[in-house]
Protein backbone atom coordinates (compact mmCIF):
# COMPACT_ATOMS: atom_id res chain seq x y z
CA UNK A 1 -11.55 -15.51 -35.83
CA UNK A 2 -8.89 -18.09 -35.09
CA UNK A 3 -7.33 -17.55 -31.67
CA UNK A 4 -3.58 -17.45 -32.11
CA UNK A 5 -1.01 -17.17 -29.38
CA UNK A 6 -0.67 -13.48 -30.14
CA UNK A 7 -4.40 -12.83 -29.83
CA UNK A 8 -4.59 -14.85 -26.61
CA UNK A 9 -1.70 -12.85 -25.11
CA UNK A 10 -3.30 -9.57 -26.22
CA UNK A 11 -6.61 -10.47 -24.55
CA UNK A 12 -4.90 -11.69 -21.35
CA UNK A 13 -2.68 -8.60 -21.15
CA UNK A 14 -5.52 -6.19 -21.83
CA UNK A 15 -7.89 -7.74 -19.28
CA UNK A 16 -5.16 -8.10 -16.64
CA UNK A 17 -3.88 -4.54 -16.93
CA UNK A 18 -7.31 -2.96 -16.97
CA UNK A 19 -9.01 -5.16 -14.36
CA UNK A 20 -6.88 -4.09 -11.39
CA UNK A 21 -6.98 -4.85 -7.69
CA UNK A 22 -8.91 -2.33 -5.67
CA UNK A 23 -9.16 -0.78 -2.25
CA UNK A 24 -8.73 -3.93 -0.05
CA UNK A 25 -5.38 -4.66 -1.66
CA UNK A 26 -4.24 -1.03 -1.40
CA UNK A 27 -5.25 -0.88 2.29
CA UNK A 28 -3.31 -4.08 2.95
CA UNK A 29 -0.23 -2.80 1.14
CA UNK A 30 -0.35 0.44 3.15
CA UNK A 31 -0.74 -1.49 6.42
CA UNK A 32 2.10 -3.85 5.47
CA UNK A 33 4.34 -0.87 4.69
CA UNK A 34 3.51 0.67 8.07
CA UNK A 35 4.28 -2.67 9.74
CA UNK A 36 7.64 -2.91 8.00
CA UNK A 37 8.58 0.68 8.90
CA UNK A 38 7.53 0.20 12.52
CA UNK A 39 9.43 -3.07 12.74
CA UNK A 40 12.58 -1.36 11.39
CA UNK A 41 12.20 1.49 13.87
CA UNK A 42 11.79 -0.87 16.82
CA UNK A 43 14.74 -2.94 15.60
CA UNK A 44 16.98 0.14 15.49
CA UNK A 45 15.93 1.19 19.01
CA UNK A 46 16.43 -2.30 20.43
CA UNK A 47 19.84 -2.60 18.79
CA UNK A 48 20.96 0.77 20.17
CA UNK A 49 19.80 -0.20 23.65
CA UNK A 50 21.50 -3.62 23.39
CA UNK A 51 24.77 -2.00 22.33
CA UNK A 52 24.61 0.34 25.33
CA UNK A 53 23.95 -2.60 27.68
CA UNK A 54 26.85 -4.59 26.23
CA UNK A 55 29.20 -1.61 26.49
CA UNK A 56 28.21 -1.14 30.12
CA UNK A 57 28.59 -4.86 30.87
CA UNK A 58 32.01 -5.01 29.17
CA UNK A 59 33.27 -2.13 31.30
CA UNK A 60 32.73 -4.29 34.41
CA UNK A 61 34.43 -7.41 33.08
CA UNK A 62 38.07 -8.37 33.66
CA UNK A 63 40.62 -7.81 30.89
CA UNK A 64 40.30 -10.28 28.03
CA UNK A 65 36.63 -11.06 28.77
CA UNK A 66 34.05 -9.62 26.40
CA UNK A 67 30.38 -9.84 25.52
CA UNK A 68 29.45 -9.52 21.83
CA UNK A 69 26.18 -8.88 20.11
CA UNK A 70 25.24 -11.52 17.61
CA UNK A 71 24.41 -10.37 14.10
CA UNK A 72 22.90 -13.72 13.13
CA UNK A 73 19.33 -12.87 14.07
CA UNK A 74 16.92 -10.00 14.32
CA UNK A 75 15.57 -8.87 17.66
CA UNK A 76 12.13 -8.08 16.26
CA UNK A 77 9.72 -10.20 14.27
CA UNK A 78 6.38 -9.20 12.82
CA UNK A 79 3.38 -10.97 11.39
CA UNK A 80 0.18 -10.15 9.62
CA UNK A 81 -1.10 -13.71 9.63
CA UNK A 82 -4.82 -13.87 10.36
CA UNK A 83 -5.17 -10.07 10.11
CA UNK A 84 -8.58 -8.96 8.79
CA UNK A 85 -6.95 -6.67 6.22
CA UNK A 86 -4.81 -9.53 4.91
CA UNK A 87 -7.83 -11.83 4.66
CA UNK A 88 -9.88 -9.15 2.92
CA UNK A 89 -7.10 -8.40 0.43
CA UNK A 90 -6.58 -12.09 -0.33
CA UNK A 91 -10.31 -12.66 -0.85
CA UNK A 92 -10.51 -9.58 -3.07
CA UNK A 93 -7.53 -10.70 -5.16
CA UNK A 94 -9.03 -14.19 -5.58
CA UNK A 95 -12.27 -12.57 -6.73
CA UNK A 96 -10.47 -10.35 -9.26
CA UNK A 97 -8.44 -13.29 -10.54
CA UNK A 98 -11.64 -15.29 -11.02
CA UNK A 99 -13.29 -12.38 -12.87
CA UNK A 100 -10.24 -12.00 -15.08
CA UNK A 101 -10.18 -15.70 -15.90
CA UNK A 102 -13.90 -15.78 -16.68
CA UNK A 103 -13.64 -12.68 -18.88
CA UNK A 104 -10.64 -14.04 -20.78
CA UNK A 105 -12.29 -17.44 -21.32
CA UNK A 106 -15.51 -15.81 -22.47
CA UNK A 107 -13.74 -13.55 -24.96
CA UNK A 108 -11.59 -16.37 -26.33
CA UNK A 109 -14.65 -18.59 -26.71
CA UNK A 110 -16.49 -15.88 -28.66
CA UNK A 111 -13.48 -15.45 -30.87
CA UNK A 112 -13.30 -19.19 -31.55
CA UNK A 113 -16.99 -19.13 -32.45
CA UNK A 114 -16.38 -16.59 -35.17
CA UNK A 115 -16.22 -13.14 -33.62
CA UNK A 116 -14.40 -10.44 -35.57
CA UNK A 117 -11.86 -7.78 -34.59
CA UNK A 118 -14.60 -5.26 -33.86
CA UNK A 119 -16.35 -7.87 -31.76
CA UNK A 120 -13.08 -8.38 -29.88
CA UNK A 121 -12.90 -4.74 -28.81
CA UNK A 122 -16.60 -4.76 -27.86
CA UNK A 123 -16.13 -7.96 -25.83
CA UNK A 124 -13.17 -6.48 -23.98
CA UNK A 125 -15.13 -3.31 -23.22
CA UNK A 126 -18.08 -5.35 -21.96
CA UNK A 127 -15.85 -7.53 -19.81
CA UNK A 128 -14.32 -4.50 -18.14
CA UNK A 129 -17.64 -2.83 -17.37
């Protein structure tokens, strides 16, 4: 079977959608979501406290003098660099990408060597198992 652009896209799409990322990626996404929510919560608390401090400080200043809060930066920063979950998720995703690439190349090679449409479905099923 001649591998056309349409067939190549079909194989790539089928393998990519059915060979999904697993638990390490899901754990990392959940941890990242928790980090983002916690960062937002801390940011809100710090901002409220800073506003109270500024209001108190302004009440002690002479007329015409004022302290302002800057909106140009965030008080809180977060990072997941070097986190074991991030490393595990990245390694897992690299592994899945490599498996996808190998499966796609194998299927396309078989097709170029004369496989038929029924062989195509069998090859896809074998690649996913």
